[in-house]
């Protein structure tokens, strides 16, 4: 359904619900994303998740002098959860772990 068709469908549903004096009926295809006809394709789209650690004491001078082996101290304590985002949407909070010599994130809370 094109966006204009979606808007028209929603407006019709709103009008029908308001005219009947009842609750606006749910739009069936919006009930569960897994039921959308494009779900098999949508579910395979890659998503970039970002975990952010603040380095507030990091300066331009530090950036210009980067060298292998340097360690930068975070302003976060080791017990503080790290925000996990997709774009501008925060999904939850995580903590860092090491799994088979790789850095991993454990989800601790959902947003």
Protein backbone atom coordinates (compact mmCIF):
# COMPACT_ATOMS: atom_id res chain seq x y z
CA UNK A 1 0.00 0.00 0.00
CA UNK A 2 1.49 3.35 -1.01
CA UNK A 3 1.94 6.05 1.63
CA UNK A 4 -1.00 8.05 0.27
CA UNK A 5 -3.09 4.87 0.31
CA UNK A 6 -2.02 4.28 3.90
CA UNK A 7 -3.04 7.81 4.89
CA UNK A 8 -6.41 7.39 3.15
CA UNK A 9 -6.93 3.99 4.81
CA UNK A 10 -6.10 5.42 8.24
CA UNK A 11 -8.38 8.44 7.68
CA UNK A 12 -11.24 6.13 6.64
CA UNK A 13 -10.69 3.95 9.72
CA UNK A 14 -10.66 7.04 11.93
CA UNK A 15 -13.85 8.36 10.35
CA UNK A 16 -15.63 4.99 10.66
CA UNK A 17 -14.64 4.67 14.31
CA UNK A 18 -15.64 8.23 15.15
CA UNK A 19 -18.96 8.03 13.27
CA UNK A 20 -19.89 4.83 15.07
CA UNK A 21 -19.02 6.51 18.37
CA UNK A 22 -16.64 3.69 19.14
CA UNK A 23 -12.95 3.09 19.36
CA UNK A 24 -10.98 3.51 16.17
CA UNK A 25 -10.53 0.00 14.76
CA UNK A 26 -7.02 -1.38 14.68
CA UNK A 27 -5.46 -1.61 11.27
CA UNK A 28 -4.93 -5.35 10.88
CA UNK A 29 -1.60 -5.18 9.07
CA UNK A 30 -0.14 -3.08 11.87
CA UNK A 31 -1.04 -5.59 14.59
CA UNK A 32 2.15 -7.63 14.13
CA UNK A 33 5.04 -6.70 11.89
CA UNK A 34 5.73 -10.40 11.33
CA UNK A 35 2.43 -10.66 9.42
CA UNK A 36 3.39 -7.93 6.92
CA UNK A 37 3.83 -9.39 3.40
CA UNK A 38 7.36 -7.92 3.17
CA UNK A 39 8.48 -9.36 6.53
CA UNK A 40 10.69 -12.12 5.00
CA UNK A 41 12.76 -9.40 3.31
CA UNK A 42 12.52 -6.79 6.09
CA UNK A 43 13.63 -9.25 8.75
CA UNK A 44 16.92 -9.82 6.93
CA UNK A 45 17.89 -6.14 6.60
CA UNK A 46 21.13 -5.34 8.42
CA UNK A 47 20.93 -3.04 11.45
CA UNK A 48 23.89 -1.17 12.93
CA UNK A 49 23.75 -0.99 16.70
CA UNK A 50 25.92 1.51 18.55
CA UNK A 51 27.18 1.27 22.13
CA UNK A 52 28.64 4.59 23.26
CA UNK A 53 31.29 5.24 25.89
CA UNK A 54 32.06 8.82 26.79
CA UNK A 55 35.69 9.94 26.78
CA UNK A 56 35.16 13.49 28.01
CA UNK A 57 38.85 14.10 28.73
CA UNK A 58 39.79 13.27 25.13
CA UNK A 59 41.08 16.33 23.27
CA UNK A 60 42.06 17.18 19.70
CA UNK A 61 45.68 16.90 20.83
CA UNK A 62 44.98 13.28 21.88
CA UNK A 63 43.35 12.58 18.52
CA UNK A 64 46.36 13.91 16.61
CA UNK A 65 48.75 11.90 18.76
CA UNK A 66 47.01 8.51 18.52
CA UNK A 67 49.35 5.55 18.75
CA UNK A 68 48.87 1.80 19.03
CA UNK A 69 48.64 0.57 22.58
CA UNK A 70 47.30 3.80 24.07
CA UNK A 71 44.60 3.42 26.72
CA UNK A 72 41.91 6.06 27.20
CA UNK A 73 40.01 6.33 30.44
CA UNK A 74 36.23 6.53 30.23
CA UNK A 75 34.14 8.81 32.41
CA UNK A 76 31.85 5.82 33.09
CA UNK A 77 32.46 3.52 36.02
CA UNK A 78 32.99 -0.18 35.31
CA UNK A 79 29.58 -0.94 36.85
CA UNK A 80 27.65 1.62 34.75
CA UNK A 81 25.59 0.25 31.88
CA UNK A 82 26.36 1.50 28.37
CA UNK A 83 23.50 2.83 26.18
CA UNK A 84 22.68 0.74 23.09
CA UNK A 85 21.15 2.59 20.13
CA UNK A 86 20.02 2.05 16.56
CA UNK A 87 20.20 5.48 14.95
CA UNK A 88 18.64 7.94 17.39
CA UNK A 89 16.52 5.27 19.12
CA UNK A 90 17.81 3.88 22.40
CA UNK A 91 16.99 0.18 22.63
CA UNK A 92 18.39 -0.45 26.08
CA UNK A 93 21.55 -0.66 28.15
CA UNK A 94 24.42 -3.12 27.95
CA UNK A 95 27.63 -4.14 29.64
CA UNK A 96 30.86 -5.22 27.98
CA UNK A 97 32.16 -8.76 28.24
CA UNK A 98 34.87 -10.81 26.59
CA UNK A 99 33.72 -13.94 24.77
CA UNK A 100 36.35 -16.14 23.12
CA UNK A 101 38.81 -13.23 22.94
CA UNK A 102 36.25 -10.88 21.35
CA UNK A 103 34.46 -7.91 22.91
CA UNK A 104 30.77 -8.61 23.35
CA UNK A 105 27.77 -6.78 24.79
CA UNK A 106 25.29 -8.25 27.24
CA UNK A 107 21.85 -6.61 27.20
CA UNK A 108 21.01 -5.67 30.79
CA UNK A 109 17.82 -3.61 30.33
CA UNK A 110 15.41 -2.71 27.56
CA UNK A 111 14.46 0.94 27.07
